[in-house]
Amino acid sequence: MMKFLLVLAVLVIAWLVWRSGRERDREDAPAAAPPAGGTPALPQDMVRCPVCAVHLPRPDALPGSSGRLYCCAEHRRDGGN
């Protein structure tokens, strides 16, 4: 019976130490910072590169011949060949 009580005491002490460590980590963690601008960014139109089929925001796309938009200069140069 003494061995059971000893094991139980060790488990309780280990649990208390683990729990206090978690509480200390929560106190040390920085609080979540609010968004920098205060308002979320508006959604952007997405376009598809005709060469590799990747989707990217329209402002990041490179214009090519016949109004097509490409993801990079290499794909614009290839032009859908």
PDB file of N, CA and C in Angstrom:
ATOM      1  N   MET A   1       0.822  -1.195   0.000  1.00  0.00           N
ATOM      2  CA  MET A   1       0.000   0.000   0.000  1.00  0.00           C
ATOM      3  C   MET A   1       0.871   1.267   0.000  1.00  0.00           C
ATOM      4  N   MET A   2       2.019   1.244   0.648  1.00  0.00           N
ATOM      5  CA  MET A   2       2.893   2.411   0.701  1.00  0.00           C
ATOM      6  C   MET A   2       3.447   2.758  -0.673  1.00  0.00           C
ATOM      7  N   LYS A   3       3.747   1.728  -1.487  1.00  0.00           N
ATOM      8  CA  LYS A   3       4.275   1.985  -2.825  1.00  0.00           C
ATOM      9  C   LYS A   3       3.230   2.706  -3.675  1.00  0.00           C
ATOM     10  N   PHE A   4       1.963   2.317  -3.529  1.00  0.00           N
ATOM     11  CA  PHE A   4       0.889   2.968  -4.264  1.00  0.00           C
ATOM     12  C   PHE A   4       0.783   4.436  -3.881  1.00  0.00           C
ATOM     13  N   LEU A   5       0.853   4.742  -2.602  1.00  0.00           N
ATOM     14  CA  LEU A   5       0.780   6.131  -2.143  1.00  0.00           C
ATOM     15  C   LEU A   5       1.983   6.934  -2.614  1.00  0.00           C
ATOM     16  N   LEU A   6       3.144   6.304  -2.629  1.00  0.00           N
ATOM     17  CA  LEU A   6       4.356   6.979  -3.090  1.00  0.00           C
ATOM     18  C   LEU A   6       4.247   7.319  -4.587  1.00  0.00           C
ATOM     19  N   VAL A   7       3.792   6.368  -5.403  1.00  0.00           N
ATOM     20  CA  VAL A   7       3.623   6.605  -6.835  1.00  0.00           C
ATOM     21  C   VAL A   7       2.577   7.690  -7.066  1.00  0.00           C
ATOM     22  N   LEU A   8       1.487   7.635  -6.314  1.00  0.00           N
ATOM     23  CA  LEU A   8       0.445   8.644  -6.426  1.00  0.00           C
ATOM     24  C   LEU A   8       0.993  10.029  -6.072  1.00  0.00           C
ATOM     25  N   ALA A   9       1.775  10.132  -5.034  1.00  0.00           N
ATOM     26  CA  ALA A   9       2.352  11.420  -4.619  1.00  0.00           C
ATOM     27  C   ALA A   9       3.303  11.957  -5.692  1.00  0.00           C
ATOM     28  N   VAL A  10       4.119  11.076  -6.276  1.00  0.00           N
ATOM     29  CA  VAL A  10       5.042  11.503  -7.325  1.00  0.00           C
ATOM     30  C   VAL A  10       4.265  11.996  -8.538  1.00  0.00           C
ATOM     31  N   LEU A  11       3.199  11.307  -8.912  1.00  0.00           N
ATOM     32  CA  LEU A  11       2.387  11.731 -10.052  1.00  0.00           C
ATOM     33  C   LEU A  11       1.711  13.075  -9.797  1.00  0.00           C
ATOM     34  N   VAL A  12       1.217  13.283  -8.599  1.00  0.00           N
ATOM     35  CA  VAL A  12       0.565  14.555  -8.265  1.00  0.00           C
ATOM     36  C   VAL A  12       1.578  15.692  -8.308  1.00  0.00           C
ATOM     37  N   ILE A  13       2.751  15.474  -7.771  1.00  0.00           N
ATOM     38  CA  ILE A  13       3.790  16.510  -7.783  1.00  0.00           C
ATOM     39  C   ILE A  13       4.217  16.825  -9.222  1.00  0.00           C
ATOM     40  N   ALA A  14       4.389  15.777 -10.037  1.00  0.00           N
ATOM     41  CA  ALA A  14       4.777  15.995 -11.438  1.00  0.00           C
ATOM     42  C   ALA A  14       3.697  16.779 -12.170  1.00  0.00           C
ATOM     43  N   TRP A  15       2.426  16.464 -11.916  1.00  0.00           N
ATOM     44  CA  TRP A  15       1.330  17.177 -12.565  1.00  0.00           C
ATOM     45  C   TRP A  15       1.315  18.648 -12.142  1.00  0.00           C
ATOM     46  N   LEU A  16       1.539  18.909 -10.838  1.00  0.00           N
ATOM     47  CA  LEU A  16       1.552  20.286 -10.360  1.00  0.00           C
ATOM     48  C   LEU A  16       2.700  21.086 -10.976  1.00  0.00           C
ATOM     49  N   VAL A  17       3.865  20.475 -11.106  1.00  0.00           N
ATOM     50  CA  VAL A  17       5.013  21.149 -11.715  1.00  0.00           C
ATOM     51  C   VAL A  17       4.720  21.438 -13.181  1.00  0.00           C
ATOM     52  N   TRP A  18       4.157  20.464 -13.889  1.00  0.00           N
ATOM     53  CA  TRP A  18       3.828  20.652 -15.307  1.00  0.00           C
ATOM     54  C   TRP A  18       2.803  21.774 -15.480  1.00  0.00           C
ATOM     55  N   ARG A  19       1.789  21.784 -14.624  1.00  0.00           N
ATOM     56  CA  ARG A  19       0.739  22.796 -14.724  1.00  0.00           C
ATOM     57  C   ARG A  19       1.275  24.195 -14.432  1.00  0.00           C
ATOM     58  N   SER A  20       2.125  24.326 -13.441  1.00  0.00           N
ATOM     59  CA  SER A  20       2.686  25.645 -13.124  1.00  0.00           C
ATOM     60  C   SER A  20       3.597  26.131 -14.252  1.00  0.00           C
ATOM     61  N   GLY A  21       4.292  25.224 -14.914  1.00  0.00           N
ATOM     62  CA  GLY A  21       5.128  25.602 -16.057  1.00  0.00           C
ATOM     63  C   GLY A  21       4.298  26.116 -17.211  1.00  0.00           C
ATOM     64  N   ARG A  22       3.158  25.494 -17.442  1.00  0.00           N
ATOM     65  CA  ARG A  22       2.272  25.962 -18.517  1.00  0.00           C
ATOM     66  C   ARG A  22       1.713  27.338 -18.197  1.00  0.00           C
ATOM     67  N   GLU A  23       1.351  27.586 -16.959  1.00  0.00           N
ATOM     68  CA  GLU A  23       0.825  28.903 -16.575  1.00  0.00           C
ATOM     69  C   GLU A  23       1.889  29.977 -16.732  1.00  0.00           C
ATOM     70  N   ARG A  24       3.122  29.638 -16.390  1.00  0.00           N
ATOM     71  CA  ARG A  24       4.225  30.585 -16.527  1.00  0.00           C
ATOM     72  C   ARG A  24       4.457  30.907 -18.005  1.00  0.00           C
ATOM     73  N   ASP A  25       4.355  29.903 -18.870  1.00  0.00           N
ATOM     74  CA  ASP A  25       4.527  30.136 -20.308  1.00  0.00           C
ATOM     75  C   ASP A  25       3.446  31.059 -20.846  1.00  0.00           C
ATOM     76  N   ARG A  26       2.240  30.906 -20.357  1.00  0.00           N
ATOM     77  CA  ARG A  26       1.145  31.774 -20.811  1.00  0.00           C
ATOM     78  C   ARG A  26       1.388  33.220 -20.398  1.00  0.00           C
ATOM     79  N   GLU A  27       1.935  33.408 -19.195  1.00  0.00           N
ATOM     80  CA  GLU A  27       2.204  34.766 -18.721  1.00  0.00           C
ATOM     81  C   GLU A  27       3.333  35.405 -19.512  1.00  0.00           C
ATOM     82  N   ASP A  28       4.333  34.607 -19.920  1.00  0.00           N
ATOM     83  CA  ASP A  28       5.471  35.128 -20.659  1.00  0.00           C
ATOM     84  C   ASP A  28       5.148  35.388 -22.126  1.00  0.00           C
ATOM     85  N   ALA A  29       4.143  34.735 -22.656  1.00  0.00           N
ATOM     86  CA  ALA A  29       3.814  34.881 -24.074  1.00  0.00           C
ATOM     87  C   ALA A  29       3.294  36.298 -24.335  1.00  0.00           C
ATOM     88  N   PRO A  30       3.758  36.905 -25.435  1.00  0.00           N
ATOM     89  CA  PRO A  30       3.254  38.247 -25.757  1.00  0.00           C
ATOM     90  C   PRO A  30       1.799  38.177 -26.188  1.00  0.00           C
ATOM     91  N   ALA A  31       1.086  39.230 -25.891  1.00  0.00           N
ATOM     92  CA  ALA A  31      -0.319  39.302 -26.279  1.00  0.00           C
ATOM     93  C   ALA A  31      -0.413  39.464 -27.788  1.00  0.00           C
ATOM     94  N   ALA A  32      -1.470  38.959 -28.362  1.00  0.00           N
ATOM     95  CA  ALA A  32      -1.658  39.065 -29.807  1.00  0.00           C
ATOM     96  C   ALA A  32      -1.788  40.538 -30.187  1.00  0.00           C
ATOM     97  N   ALA A  33      -0.964  40.946 -31.137  1.00  0.00           N
ATOM     98  CA  ALA A  33      -0.966  42.344 -31.564  1.00  0.00           C
ATOM     99  C   ALA A  33      -2.150  42.590 -32.502  1.00  0.00           C
ATOM    100  N   PRO A  34      -2.778  43.733 -32.390  1.00  0.00           N
ATOM    101  CA  PRO A  34      -3.868  44.047 -33.320  1.00  0.00           C
ATOM    102  C   PRO A  34      -3.308  44.248 -34.725  1.00  0.00           C
ATOM    103  N   PRO A  35      -4.132  44.095 -35.739  1.00  0.00           N
ATOM    104  CA  PRO A  35      -3.657  44.307 -37.108  1.00  0.00           C
ATOM    105  C   PRO A  35      -3.052  45.695 -37.274  1.00  0.00           C
ATOM    106  N   ALA A  36      -2.028  45.800 -38.110  1.00  0.00           N
ATOM    107  CA  ALA A  36      -1.293  47.051 -38.270  1.00  0.00           C
ATOM    108  C   ALA A  36      -2.187  48.176 -38.794  1.00  0.00           C
ATOM    109  N   GLY A  37      -2.984  47.909 -39.804  1.00  0.00           N
ATOM    110  CA  GLY A  37      -3.798  48.955 -40.406  1.00  0.00           C
ATOM    111  C   GLY A  37      -5.117  49.164 -39.695  1.00  0.00           C
ATOM    112  N   GLY A  38      -5.499  48.209 -38.877  1.00  0.00           N
ATOM    113  CA  GLY A  38      -6.766  48.327 -38.199  1.00  0.00           C
ATOM    114  C   GLY A  38      -7.919  47.725 -38.989  1.00  0.00           C
ATOM    115  N   THR A  39      -7.828  47.756 -40.326  1.00  0.00           N
ATOM    116  CA  THR A  39      -8.870  47.153 -41.145  1.00  0.00           C
ATOM    117  C   THR A  39      -8.228  46.121 -42.060  1.00  0.00           C
ATOM    118  N   PRO A  40      -8.921  45.029 -42.320  1.00  0.00           N
ATOM    119  CA  PRO A  40      -8.350  44.008 -43.206  1.00  0.00           C
ATOM    120  C   PRO A  40      -8.290  44.503 -44.647  1.00  0.00           C
ATOM    121  N   ALA A  41      -7.377  43.926 -45.399  1.00  0.00           N
ATOM    122  CA  ALA A  41      -7.234  44.303 -46.803  1.00  0.00           C
ATOM    123  C   ALA A  41      -8.448  43.837 -47.592  1.00  0.00           C
ATOM    124  N   LEU A  42      -8.784  44.597 -48.609  1.00  0.00           N
ATOM    125  CA  LEU A  42      -9.908  44.241 -49.463  1.00  0.00           C
ATOM    126  C   LEU A  42      -9.511  43.093 -50.384  1.00  0.00           C
ATOM    127  N   PRO A  43     -10.455  42.256 -50.782  1.00  0.00           N
ATOM    128  CA  PRO A  43     -10.130  41.165 -51.707  1.00  0.00           C
ATOM    129  C   PRO A  43      -9.677  41.723 -53.056  1.00  0.00           C
ATOM    130  N   GLN A  44      -8.796  40.994 -53.714  1.00  0.00           N
ATOM    131  CA  GLN A  44      -8.279  41.417 -55.015  1.00  0.00           C
ATOM    132  C   GLN A  44      -8.745  40.448 -56.094  1.00  0.00           C
ATOM    133  N   ASP A  45      -8.850  40.955 -57.316  1.00  0.00           N
ATOM    134  CA  ASP A  45      -9.168  40.089 -58.448  1.00  0.00           C
ATOM    135  C   ASP A  45      -7.990  39.154 -58.690  1.00  0.00           C
ATOM    136  N   MET A  46      -8.291  37.885 -58.944  1.00  0.00           N
ATOM    137  CA  MET A  46      -7.261  36.901 -59.221  1.00  0.00           C
ATOM    138  C   MET A  46      -7.288  36.578 -60.714  1.00  0.00           C
ATOM    139  N   VAL A  47      -6.104  36.397 -61.293  1.00  0.00           N
ATOM    140  CA  VAL A  47      -5.990  36.027 -62.700  1.00  0.00           C
ATOM    141  C   VAL A  47      -5.165  34.745 -62.804  1.00  0.00           C
ATOM    142  N   ARG A  48      -5.287  34.072 -63.938  1.00  0.00           N
ATOM    143  CA  ARG A  48      -4.621  32.789 -64.148  1.00  0.00           C
ATOM    144  C   ARG A  48      -3.570  32.942 -65.239  1.00  0.00           C
ATOM    145  N   CYS A  49      -2.361  32.465 -64.962  1.00  0.00           N
ATOM    146  CA  CYS A  49      -1.295  32.481 -65.965  1.00  0.00           C
ATOM    147  C   CYS A  49      -1.632  31.417 -67.015  1.00  0.00           C
ATOM    148  N   PRO A  50      -1.634  31.771 -68.315  1.00  0.00           N
ATOM    149  CA  PRO A  50      -1.981  30.794 -69.343  1.00  0.00           C
ATOM    150  C   PRO A  50      -0.908  29.722 -69.553  1.00  0.00           C
ATOM    151  N   VAL A  51       0.297  29.935 -69.043  1.00  0.00           N
ATOM    152  CA  VAL A  51       1.372  28.964 -69.247  1.00  0.00           C
ATOM    153  C   VAL A  51       1.375  27.903 -68.151  1.00  0.00           C
ATOM    154  N   CYS A  52       1.374  28.321 -66.888  1.00  0.00           N
ATOM    155  CA  CYS A  52       1.503  27.362 -65.785  1.00  0.00           C
ATOM    156  C   CYS A  52       0.222  27.189 -64.977  1.00  0.00           C
ATOM    157  N   ALA A  53      -0.801  27.969 -65.250  1.00  0.00           N
ATOM    158  CA  ALA A  53      -2.117  27.885 -64.595  1.00  0.00           C
ATOM    159  C   ALA A  53      -2.099  28.303 -63.126  1.00  0.00           C
ATOM    160  N   VAL A  54      -1.072  29.015 -62.700  1.00  0.00           N
ATOM    161  CA  VAL A  54      -1.050  29.507 -61.322  1.00  0.00           C
ATOM    162  C   VAL A  54      -1.942  30.750 -61.235  1.00  0.00           C
ATOM    163  N   HIS A  55      -2.623  30.906 -60.109  1.00  0.00           N
ATOM    164  CA  HIS A  55      -3.472  32.078 -59.892  1.00  0.00           C
ATOM    165  C   HIS A  55      -2.717  33.089 -59.037  1.00  0.00           C
ATOM    166  N   LEU A  56      -2.819  34.364 -59.393  1.00  0.00           N
ATOM    167  CA  LEU A  56      -2.147  35.421 -58.655  1.00  0.00           C
ATOM    168  C   LEU A  56      -2.988  36.686 -58.712  1.00  0.00           C
ATOM    169  N   PRO A  57      -2.766  37.620 -57.766  1.00  0.00           N
ATOM    170  CA  PRO A  57      -3.526  38.876 -57.789  1.00  0.00           C
ATOM    171  C   PRO A  57      -3.229  39.673 -59.063  1.00  0.00           C
ATOM    172  N   ARG A  58      -4.250  40.306 -59.588  1.00  0.00           N
ATOM    173  CA  ARG A  58      -4.109  41.076 -60.830  1.00  0.00           C
ATOM    174  C   ARG A  58      -2.988  42.114 -60.753  1.00  0.00           C
ATOM    175  N   PRO A  59      -2.816  42.862 -59.634  1.00  0.00           N
ATOM    176  CA  PRO A  59      -1.722  43.853 -59.598  1.00  0.00           C
ATOM    177  C   PRO A  59      -0.329  43.233 -59.700  1.00  0.00           C
ATOM    178  N   ASP A  60      -0.172  41.954 -59.339  1.00  0.00           N
ATOM    179  CA  ASP A  60       1.138  41.305 -59.409  1.00  0.00           C
ATOM    180  C   ASP A  60       1.418  40.684 -60.776  1.00  0.00           C
ATOM    181  N   ALA A  61       0.410  40.582 -61.622  1.00  0.00           N
ATOM    182  CA  ALA A  61       0.564  39.933 -62.926  1.00  0.00           C
ATOM    183  C   ALA A  61       1.260  40.868 -63.915  1.00  0.00           C
ATOM    184  N   LEU A  62       1.969  40.261 -64.864  1.00  0.00           N
ATOM    185  CA  LEU A  62       2.664  41.016 -65.907  1.00  0.00           C
ATOM    186  C   LEU A  62       1.837  40.974 -67.185  1.00  0.00           C
ATOM    187  N   PRO A  63       1.515  42.133 -67.777  1.00  0.00           N
ATOM    188  CA  PRO A  63       0.734  42.128 -69.011  1.00  0.00           C
ATOM    189  C   PRO A  63       1.567  41.629 -70.181  1.00  0.00           C
ATOM    190  N   GLY A  64       0.913  40.903 -71.071  1.00  0.00           N
ATOM    191  CA  GLY A  64       1.579  40.381 -72.259  1.00  0.00           C
ATOM    192  C   GLY A  64       0.808  40.745 -73.500  1.00  0.00           C
ATOM    193  N   SER A  65       1.096  40.014 -74.565  1.00  0.00           N
ATOM    194  CA  SER A  65       0.424  40.282 -75.836  1.00  0.00           C
ATOM    195  C   SER A  65      -1.042  39.877 -75.769  1.00  0.00           C
ATOM    196  N   SER A  66      -1.844  40.537 -76.515  1.00  0.00           N
ATOM    197  CA  SER A  66      -3.295  40.316 -76.650  1.00  0.00           C
ATOM    198  C   SER A  66      -4.018  40.323 -75.304  1.00  0.00           C
ATOM    199  N   GLY A  67      -3.557  41.161 -74.381  1.00  0.00           N
ATOM    200  CA  GLY A  67      -4.263  41.344 -73.120  1.00  0.00           C
ATOM    201  C   GLY A  67      -4.100  40.225 -72.111  1.00  0.00           C
ATOM    202  N   ARG A  68      -3.276  39.248 -72.374  1.00  0.00           N
ATOM    203  CA  ARG A  68      -3.060  38.158 -71.419  1.00  0.00           C
ATOM    204  C   ARG A  68      -2.180  38.640 -70.271  1.00  0.00           C
ATOM    205  N   LEU A  69      -2.369  38.003 -69.121  1.00  0.00           N
ATOM    206  CA  LEU A  69      -1.581  38.339 -67.937  1.00  0.00           C
ATOM    207  C   LEU A  69      -0.786  37.108 -67.510  1.00  0.00           C
ATOM    208  N   TYR A  70       0.497  37.328 -67.168  1.00  0.00           N
ATOM    209  CA  TYR A  70       1.399  36.222 -66.843  1.00  0.00           C
ATOM    210  C   TYR A  70       1.948  36.388 -65.429  1.00  0.00           C
ATOM    211  N   CYS A  71       2.431  35.270 -64.866  1.00  0.00           N
ATOM    212  CA  CYS A  71       2.949  35.299 -63.497  1.00  0.00           C
ATOM    213  C   CYS A  71       4.402  35.759 -63.436  1.00  0.00           C
ATOM    214  N   CYS A  72       5.171  35.603 -64.525  1.00  0.00           N
ATOM    215  CA  CYS A  72       6.581  36.005 -64.501  1.00  0.00           C
ATOM    216  C   CYS A  72       7.027  36.377 -65.915  1.00  0.00           C
ATOM    217  N   ALA A  73       8.194  37.009 -66.012  1.00  0.00           N
ATOM    218  CA  ALA A  73       8.711  37.451 -67.305  1.00  0.00           C
ATOM    219  C   ALA A  73       9.030  36.263 -68.208  1.00  0.00           C
ATOM    220  N   GLU A  74       9.486  35.162 -67.654  1.00  0.00           N
ATOM    221  CA  GLU A  74       9.795  33.982 -68.454  1.00  0.00           C
ATOM    222  C   GLU A  74       8.542  33.440 -69.161  1.00  0.00           C
ATOM    223  N   HIS A  75       7.436  33.380 -68.439  1.00  0.00           N
ATOM    224  CA  HIS A  75       6.200  32.899 -69.032  1.00  0.00           C
ATOM    225  C   HIS A  75       5.646  33.923 -70.030  1.00  0.00           C
ATOM    226  N   ARG A  76       5.845  35.196 -69.758  1.00  0.00           N
ATOM    227  CA  ARG A  76       5.418  36.205 -70.724  1.00  0.00           C
ATOM    228  C   ARG A  76       6.206  36.063 -72.003  1.00  0.00           C
ATOM    229  N   ARG A  77       7.521  35.790 -71.885  1.00  0.00           N
ATOM    230  CA  ARG A  77       8.376  35.607 -73.051  1.00  0.00           C
ATOM    231  C   ARG A  77       7.949  34.353 -73.838  1.00  0.00           C
ATOM    232  N   ASP A  78       7.658  33.276 -73.123  1.00  0.00           N
ATOM    233  CA  ASP A  78       7.201  32.044 -73.787  1.00  0.00           C
ATOM    234  C   ASP A  78       5.854  32.270 -74.462  1.00  0.00           C
ATOM    235  N   GLY A  79       5.011  33.039 -73.839  1.00  0.00           N
ATOM    236  CA  GLY A  79       3.748  33.461 -74.431  1.00  0.00           C
ATOM    237  C   GLY A  79       2.775  32.349 -74.769  1.00  0.00           C
ATOM    238  N   GLY A  80       2.823  31.258 -74.062  1.00  0.00           N
ATOM    239  CA  GLY A  80       1.841  30.207 -74.309  1.00  0.00           C
ATOM    240  C   GLY A  80       2.238  29.247 -75.404  1.00  0.00           C
ATOM    241  N   ASN A  81       3.523  29.217 -75.784  1.00  0.00           N
ATOM    242  CA  ASN A  81       3.980  28.258 -76.800  1.00  0.00           C
ATOM    243  C   ASN A  81       3.936  26.864 -76.256  1.00  0.00           C
TER     244      ASN A  81
END
